[in-house]
C-alpha atoms as a PDB file:
ATOM      1  CA  MET A   1       2.418  48.066  46.899  1.00  0.00           C
ATOM      2  CA  THR A   2      -0.516  47.875  44.433  1.00  0.00           C
ATOM      3  CA  THR A   3       1.549  49.612  41.751  1.00  0.00           C
ATOM      4  CA  THR A   4       4.367  47.124  42.259  1.00  0.00           C
ATOM      5  CA  LEU A   5       2.016  44.141  41.896  1.00  0.00           C
ATOM      6  CA  LYS A   6       0.519  45.619  38.713  1.00  0.00           C
ATOM      7  CA  SER A   7       4.013  46.184  37.314  1.00  0.00           C
ATOM      8  CA  ARG A   8       4.996  42.619  38.078  1.00  0.00           C
ATOM      9  CA  GLY A   9       1.808  41.336  36.433  1.00  0.00           C
ATOM     10  CA  ALA A  10       2.438  43.386  33.314  1.00  0.00           C
ATOM     11  CA  LEU A  11       6.043  42.172  33.161  1.00  0.00           C
ATOM     12  CA  ARG A  12       4.920  38.554  33.538  1.00  0.00           C
ATOM     13  CA  ARG A  13       2.392  38.909  30.684  1.00  0.00           C
ATOM     14  CA  THR A  14       5.029  40.499  28.483  1.00  0.00           C
ATOM     15  CA  LEU A  15       7.485  37.659  29.140  1.00  0.00           C
ATOM     16  CA  LEU A  16       4.811  35.052  28.373  1.00  0.00           C
ATOM     17  CA  ALA A  17       3.959  36.778  25.107  1.00  0.00           C
ATOM     18  CA  LEU A  18       7.623  36.939  24.093  1.00  0.00           C
ATOM     19  CA  GLY A  19       8.013  33.276  24.976  1.00  0.00           C
ATOM     20  CA  ALA A  20       5.072  32.330  22.775  1.00  0.00           C
ATOM     21  CA  LEU A  21       6.534  34.296  19.876  1.00  0.00           C
ATOM     22  CA  GLY A  22       9.856  32.555  20.392  1.00  0.00           C
ATOM     23  CA  VAL A  23       8.236  29.134  20.239  1.00  0.00           C
ATOM     24  CA  ALA A  24       6.379  30.068  17.052  1.00  0.00           C
ATOM     25  CA  ALA A  25       9.604  31.298  15.455  1.00  0.00           C
ATOM     26  CA  VAL A  26      11.457  28.108  16.344  1.00  0.00           C
ATOM     27  CA  ALA A  27       8.622  25.940  15.024  1.00  0.00           C
ATOM     28  CA  THR A  28       8.557  27.826  11.739  1.00  0.00           C
ATOM     29  CA  GLY A  29      12.327  27.597  11.446  1.00  0.00           C
ATOM     30  CA  CYS A  30      12.114  23.819  11.864  1.00  0.00           C
ATOM     31  CA  GLY A  31       9.770  23.554   8.886  1.00  0.00           C
ATOM     32  CA  PHE A  32       6.506  23.341  10.820  1.00  0.00           C
ATOM     33  CA  HIS A  33       3.551  25.179   9.273  1.00  0.00           C
ATOM     34  CA  LEU A  34      -0.047  25.481  10.345  1.00  0.00           C
ATOM     35  CA  ARG A  35      -2.540  24.023   7.887  1.00  0.00           C
ATOM     36  CA  GLY A  36      -3.245  26.609   5.248  1.00  0.00           C
ATOM     37  CA  SER A  37      -0.285  28.825   6.228  1.00  0.00           C
ATOM     38  CA  GLY A  38       1.676  27.540   3.247  1.00  0.00           C
ATOM     39  CA  GLY A  39       4.907  25.626   2.985  1.00  0.00           C
ATOM     40  CA  THR A  40       7.737  26.471   0.600  1.00  0.00           C
ATOM     41  CA  TYR A  41       7.639  24.694  -2.745  1.00  0.00           C
ATOM     42  CA  THR A  42      10.030  25.450  -5.594  1.00  0.00           C
ATOM     43  CA  LEU A  43       8.196  24.919  -8.868  1.00  0.00           C
ATOM     44  CA  PRO A  44      10.148  23.720 -11.946  1.00  0.00           C
ATOM     45  CA  PHE A  45       8.660  26.473 -14.118  1.00  0.00           C
ATOM     46  CA  ASN A  46       9.632  30.049 -14.860  1.00  0.00           C
ATOM     47  CA  ALA A  47       6.072  30.990 -15.813  1.00  0.00           C
ATOM     48  CA  MET A  48       2.691  29.332 -15.221  1.00  0.00           C
ATOM     49  CA  TYR A  49      -0.834  29.830 -16.520  1.00  0.00           C
ATOM     50  CA  VAL A  50      -3.842  29.027 -14.307  1.00  0.00           C
ATOM     51  CA  GLY A  51      -6.906  27.861 -16.228  1.00  0.00           C
ATOM     52  CA  LEU A  52      -9.528  29.440 -13.965  1.00  0.00           C
ATOM     53  CA  PRO A  53     -11.519  32.694 -14.126  1.00  0.00           C
ATOM     54  CA  GLU A  54      -9.657  35.717 -12.792  1.00  0.00           C
ATOM     55  CA  SER A  55     -12.299  36.295 -10.093  1.00  0.00           C
ATOM     56  CA  SER A  56     -12.220  32.699  -8.831  1.00  0.00           C
ATOM     57  CA  PRO A  57     -11.235  32.550  -5.127  1.00  0.00           C
ATOM     58  CA  LEU A  58      -9.312  29.340  -5.854  1.00  0.00           C
ATOM     59  CA  ALA A  59      -7.430  31.013  -8.705  1.00  0.00           C
ATOM     60  CA  ILE A  60      -6.528  33.989  -6.498  1.00  0.00           C
ATOM     61  CA  GLU A  61      -5.236  31.697  -3.731  1.00  0.00           C
ATOM     62  CA  LEU A  62      -3.323  29.493  -6.176  1.00  0.00           C
ATOM     63  CA  LYS A  63      -1.704  32.418  -7.990  1.00  0.00           C
ATOM     64  CA  ARG A  64      -0.673  33.986  -4.687  1.00  0.00           C
ATOM     65  CA  ASN A  65       1.056  30.771  -3.630  1.00  0.00           C
ATOM     66  CA  ILE A  66       2.785  30.400  -6.999  1.00  0.00           C
ATOM     67  CA  ARG A  67       4.162  33.934  -6.792  1.00  0.00           C
ATOM     68  CA  VAL A  68       5.487  33.690  -3.241  1.00  0.00           C
ATOM     69  CA  ASN A  69       7.019  30.229  -3.656  1.00  0.00           C
ATOM     70  CA  GLY A  70      10.258  30.387  -5.612  1.00  0.00           C
ATOM     71  CA  HIS A  71      10.952  32.234  -8.851  1.00  0.00           C
ATOM     72  CA  THR A  72       7.793  31.368 -10.827  1.00  0.00           C
ATOM     73  CA  THR A  73       5.636  34.118 -12.296  1.00  0.00           C
ATOM     74  CA  VAL A  74       1.958  33.902 -13.290  1.00  0.00           C
ATOM     75  CA  VAL A  75       1.118  34.868 -16.882  1.00  0.00           C
ATOM     76  CA  SER A  76      -2.210  35.590 -18.577  1.00  0.00           C
ATOM     77  CA  SER A  77      -1.550  33.585 -21.743  1.00  0.00           C
ATOM     78  CA  LYS A  78      -0.837  29.889 -22.271  1.00  0.00           C
ATOM     79  CA  ALA A  79       1.648  30.788 -25.001  1.00  0.00           C
ATOM     80  CA  ASP A  80       3.877  32.547 -22.449  1.00  0.00           C
ATOM     81  CA  ALA A  81       3.794  29.713 -19.898  1.00  0.00           C
ATOM     82  CA  ASP A  82       6.168  26.818 -19.282  1.00  0.00           C
ATOM     83  CA  GLY A  83       3.463  25.077 -17.249  1.00  0.00           C
ATOM     84  CA  VAL A  84      -0.310  25.220 -17.789  1.00  0.00           C
ATOM     85  CA  ILE A  85      -2.723  24.227 -15.008  1.00  0.00           C
ATOM     86  CA  GLU A  86      -5.886  22.815 -16.537  1.00  0.00           C
ATOM     87  CA  VAL A  87      -8.762  22.450 -14.073  1.00  0.00           C
ATOM     88  CA  LEU A  88     -10.994  19.618 -15.307  1.00  0.00           C
ATOM     89  CA  THR A  89     -13.517  19.872 -12.444  1.00  0.00           C
ATOM     90  CA  ASN A  90     -13.870  23.176 -10.614  1.00  0.00           C
ATOM     91  CA  PRO A  91     -14.322  22.581  -6.841  1.00  0.00           C
ATOM     92  CA  GLU A  92     -16.271  25.814  -6.489  1.00  0.00           C
ATOM     93  CA  LYS A  93     -18.975  24.300  -8.710  1.00  0.00           C
ATOM     94  CA  THR A  94     -18.841  20.695  -7.490  1.00  0.00           C
ATOM     95  CA  ARG A  95     -18.519  21.090  -3.718  1.00  0.00           C
ATOM     96  CA  THR A  96     -21.169  19.165  -1.824  1.00  0.00           C
ATOM     97  CA  LYS A  97     -22.912  19.026   1.546  1.00  0.00           C
ATOM     98  CA  SER A  98     -24.317  15.654   2.601  1.00  0.00           C
ATOM     99  CA  ILE A  99     -25.861  14.253   5.770  1.00  0.00           C
ATOM    100  CA  LEU A 100     -23.266  12.537   7.934  1.00  0.00           C
ATOM    101  CA  SER A 101     -25.320  11.490  10.975  1.00  0.00           C
ATOM    102  CA  LEU A 102     -28.752  11.810  12.596  1.00  0.00           C
ATOM    103  CA  ASN A 103     -29.792  12.195  16.219  1.00  0.00           C
ATOM    104  CA  SER A 104     -32.183   9.925  18.108  1.00  0.00           C
ATOM    105  CA  ASN A 105     -35.159  11.917  16.771  1.00  0.00           C
ATOM    106  CA  GLY A 106     -34.135  11.409  13.161  1.00  0.00           C
ATOM    107  CA  ARG A 107     -32.973  15.003  12.719  1.00  0.00           C
ATOM    108  CA  VAL A 108     -29.662  15.974  11.168  1.00  0.00           C
ATOM    109  CA  ARG A 109     -26.846  16.101  13.692  1.00  0.00           C
ATOM    110  CA  GLU A 110     -23.830  16.422  11.357  1.00  0.00           C
ATOM    111  CA  TYR A 111     -23.156  17.286   7.748  1.00  0.00           C
ATOM    112  CA  LEU A 112     -20.102  16.389   5.671  1.00  0.00           C
ATOM    113  CA  LEU A 113     -18.695  19.177   3.503  1.00  0.00           C
ATOM    114  CA  SER A 114     -16.768  17.913   0.481  1.00  0.00           C
ATOM    115  CA  TYR A 115     -14.385  19.833  -1.750  1.00  0.00           C
ATOM    116  CA  ASN A 116     -12.654  18.164  -4.692  1.00  0.00           C
ATOM    117  CA  ILE A 117     -10.705  18.993  -7.806  1.00  0.00           C
ATOM    118  CA  LEU A 118      -9.461  17.162 -10.879  1.00  0.00           C
ATOM    119  CA  PHE A 119      -6.583  18.913 -12.616  1.00  0.00           C
ATOM    120  CA  ARG A 120      -3.572  18.285 -14.784  1.00  0.00           C
ATOM    121  CA  VAL A 121      -0.470  20.205 -15.872  1.00  0.00           C
ATOM    122  CA  THR A 122       0.797  20.502 -19.450  1.00  0.00           C
ATOM    123  CA  ASP A 123       3.426  22.515 -21.267  1.00  0.00           C
ATOM    124  CA  LYS A 124       2.520  25.204 -23.794  1.00  0.00           C
ATOM    125  CA  ALA A 125       2.426  22.595 -26.577  1.00  0.00           C
ATOM    126  CA  GLY A 126      -0.125  20.500 -24.701  1.00  0.00           C
ATOM    127  CA  ASN A 127       2.265  17.739 -23.644  1.00  0.00           C
ATOM    128  CA  GLU A 128       1.161  16.279 -20.305  1.00  0.00           C
ATOM    129  CA  LEU A 129       3.580  16.879 -17.428  1.00  0.00           C
ATOM    130  CA  LEU A 130       1.208  15.806 -14.655  1.00  0.00           C
ATOM    131  CA  ALA A 131      -1.554  13.318 -15.450  1.00  0.00           C
ATOM    132  CA  PRO A 132      -5.122  14.137 -14.331  1.00  0.00           C
ATOM    133  CA  THR A 133      -4.941  14.192 -10.548  1.00  0.00           C
ATOM    134  CA  SER A 134      -7.888  14.067  -8.165  1.00  0.00           C
ATOM    135  CA  ILE A 135      -7.789  15.611  -4.691  1.00  0.00           C
ATOM    136  CA  THR A 136     -10.807  15.210  -2.408  1.00  0.00           C
ATOM    137  CA  LEU A 137     -11.176  16.861   0.989  1.00  0.00           C
ATOM    138  CA  GLY A 138     -13.916  16.678   3.605  1.00  0.00           C
ATOM    139  CA  ARG A 139     -14.814  18.392   6.859  1.00  0.00           C
ATOM    140  CA  PRO A 140     -17.617  17.443   9.285  1.00  0.00           C
ATOM    141  CA  ILE A 141     -19.829  20.180  10.697  1.00  0.00           C
ATOM    142  CA  THR A 142     -22.472  19.891  13.401  1.00  0.00           C
ATOM    143  CA  PHE A 143     -25.948  21.310  12.816  1.00  0.00           C
ATOM    144  CA  SER A 144     -28.058  23.380  15.182  1.00  0.00           C
ATOM    145  CA  GLU A 145     -31.463  24.875  14.373  1.00  0.00           C
ATOM    146  CA  THR A 146     -30.911  27.542  17.037  1.00  0.00           C
ATOM    147  CA  GLN A 147     -27.561  28.715  15.573  1.00  0.00           C
ATOM    148  CA  LEU A 148     -28.232  28.908  11.855  1.00  0.00           C
ATOM    149  CA  LEU A 149     -26.252  32.110  11.237  1.00  0.00           C
ATOM    150  CA  ALA A 150     -23.265  30.912  13.250  1.00  0.00           C
ATOM    151  CA  LYS A 151     -23.286  27.584  11.390  1.00  0.00           C
ATOM    152  CA  GLU A 152     -23.392  29.338   8.018  1.00  0.00           C
ATOM    153  CA  GLN A 153     -20.308  31.328   9.015  1.00  0.00           C
ATOM    154  CA  GLU A 154     -18.584  28.165  10.257  1.00  0.00           C
ATOM    155  CA  GLU A 155     -19.390  26.407   6.970  1.00  0.00           C
ATOM    156  CA  ALA A 156     -17.848  29.260   4.978  1.00  0.00           C
ATOM    157  CA  LEU A 157     -14.696  29.097   7.118  1.00  0.00           C
ATOM    158  CA  LEU A 158     -14.429  25.327   6.637  1.00  0.00           C
ATOM    159  CA  TYR A 159     -14.689  25.683   2.857  1.00  0.00           C
ATOM    160  CA  LYS A 160     -12.001  28.366   2.975  1.00  0.00           C
ATOM    161  CA  ASP A 161      -9.806  26.062   5.070  1.00  0.00           C
ATOM    162  CA  MET A 162     -10.285  23.249   2.533  1.00  0.00           C
ATOM    163  CA  GLN A 163      -9.436  25.630  -0.294  1.00  0.00           C
ATOM    164  CA  ALA A 164      -6.144  26.553   1.400  1.00  0.00           C
ATOM    165  CA  ASP A 165      -5.410  22.874   2.062  1.00  0.00           C
ATOM    166  CA  LEU A 166      -6.225  22.012  -1.554  1.00  0.00           C
ATOM    167  CA  VAL A 167      -3.857  24.657  -2.902  1.00  0.00           C
ATOM    168  CA  GLN A 168      -1.023  23.344  -0.725  1.00  0.00           C
ATOM    169  CA  GLN A 169      -1.570  19.812  -2.015  1.00  0.00           C
ATOM    170  CA  MET A 170      -1.593  21.078  -5.602  1.00  0.00           C
ATOM    171  CA  MET A 171       1.638  22.987  -4.997  1.00  0.00           C
ATOM    172  CA  ARG A 172       3.294  19.878  -3.542  1.00  0.00           C
ATOM    173  CA  ARG A 173       2.337  17.772  -6.563  1.00  0.00           C
ATOM    174  CA  MET A 174       3.459  20.421  -9.047  1.00  0.00           C
ATOM    175  CA  ALA A 175       6.794  20.850  -7.259  1.00  0.00           C
ATOM    176  CA  ALA A 176       7.508  17.162  -7.939  1.00  0.00           C
ATOM    177  CA  ILE A 177       7.106  17.564 -11.721  1.00  0.00           C
ATOM    178  CA  LYS A 178      10.217  16.941 -13.792  1.00  0.00           C
ATOM    179  CA  PRO A 179       9.789  18.645 -17.185  1.00  0.00           C
ATOM    180  CA  GLY A 180      11.002  16.440 -20.015  1.00  0.00           C
ATOM    181  CA  ASN A 181       9.934  13.224 -18.303  1.00  0.00           C
ATOM    182  CA  PRO A 182       6.674  11.523 -19.323  1.00  0.00           C
ATOM    183  CA  ALA A 183       3.789  12.067 -16.940  1.00  0.00           C
ATOM    184  CA  PRO A 184       3.204   9.128 -14.571  1.00  0.00           C
ATOM    185  CA  ALA A 185      -0.011   7.148 -14.847  1.00  0.00           C
ATOM    186  CA  PRO A 186      -2.928   8.863 -13.075  1.00  0.00           C
ATOM    187  CA  THR A 187      -3.807   7.680  -9.581  1.00  0.00           C
ATOM    188  CA  PRO A 188      -7.498   6.937  -8.954  1.00  0.00           C
ATOM    189  CA  SER A 189      -9.251   9.259  -6.517  1.00  0.00           C
ATOM    190  CA  GLY A 190      -8.849   8.166  -2.904  1.00  0.00           C
ATOM    191  CA  VAL A 191      -5.899   5.850  -3.621  1.00  0.00           C
ATOM    192  CA  LEU A 192      -2.439   6.894  -2.551  1.00  0.00           C
ATOM    193  CA  PRO A 193       0.522   6.413  -4.921  1.00  0.00           C
ATOM    194  CA  GLY A 194       2.471   3.269  -4.139  1.00  0.00           C
ATOM    195  CA  VAL A 195      -0.372   1.388  -2.482  1.00  0.00           C
ATOM    196  CA  LEU A 196      -2.514   0.655  -5.511  1.00  0.00           C
ATOM    197  CA  SER A 197      -2.918  -3.094  -5.616  1.00  0.00           C
ATOM    198  CA  ALA A 198      -2.609  -4.979  -8.869  1.00  0.00           C
ATOM    199  CA  PRO A 199      -5.715  -6.696 -10.206  1.00  0.00           C
ATOM    200  CA  ASP A 200      -6.233 -10.248  -9.089  1.00  0.00           C
ATOM    201  CA  VAL A 201      -4.711 -12.676 -11.564  1.00  0.00           C
ATOM    202  CA  VAL A 202      -5.934 -16.242 -11.588  1.00  0.00           C
ATOM    203  CA  ALA A 203      -3.311 -18.706 -12.782  1.00  0.00           C
ATOM    204  CA  PRO A 204      -4.545 -21.140 -15.412  1.00  0.00           C
ATOM    205  CA  THR A 205      -5.302 -24.587 -14.070  1.00  0.00           C
ATOM    206  CA  ALA A 206      -3.278 -27.410 -15.617  1.00  0.00           C
ATOM    207  CA  PRO A 207      -5.373 -30.238 -17.065  1.00  0.00           C
ATOM    208  CA  SER A 208      -5.571 -33.219 -14.751  1.00  0.00           C
ATOM    209  CA  ALA A 209      -3.744 -36.405 -15.793  1.00  0.00           C
ATOM    210  CA  PRO A 210      -5.855 -39.457 -16.676  1.00  0.00           C
ATOM    211  CA  PRO A 211      -6.089 -42.023 -13.886  1.00  0.00           C
ATOM    212  CA  VAL A 212      -3.539 -44.841 -14.031  1.00  0.00           C
ATOM    213  CA  ARG A 213      -5.101 -48.294 -14.351  1.00  0.00           C
END
């Protein structure tokens, strides 16, 4: 009897595991991707050059995504590239950690981790294909004096998550490039395309007519 119950339990766990795998497969087939898992973007370039040091974690992640998405190869020389990624501000050097909130005793309760990049894409001749584009990401993290090591590890994971998210956003913007067309005007950081309001224009006031006597 005990053996039968154990067998039934094992069978039930196996069926649940298979069901979970089936759901994951269906979700992926429908175009759903976990953040950082990478979508599929076809880049309009046969070869690209990434303007970052070879050992840069961001460069490694970006090159990996370029290689696995479509037919684009990564080259080591600008002269061999159809598209050149120029990083104007390196997020690995400009990432910040600022106080987000305090507790009732005035001690830090939460920090805000920020990760941002400013980049553009040109052709080998230097013609701009994508105007300087700013992407800024942030993640809150709670602070605990009794869990310093655990919080350091959590912070590293959050920065890695933002790096993966950043690469996906860069890939999406580069996939929309149409070589041969002039680069669109740059969008200010924090403002989404299409919702930038025009500056206020004050219509000139017509001179008032003299009073009729």
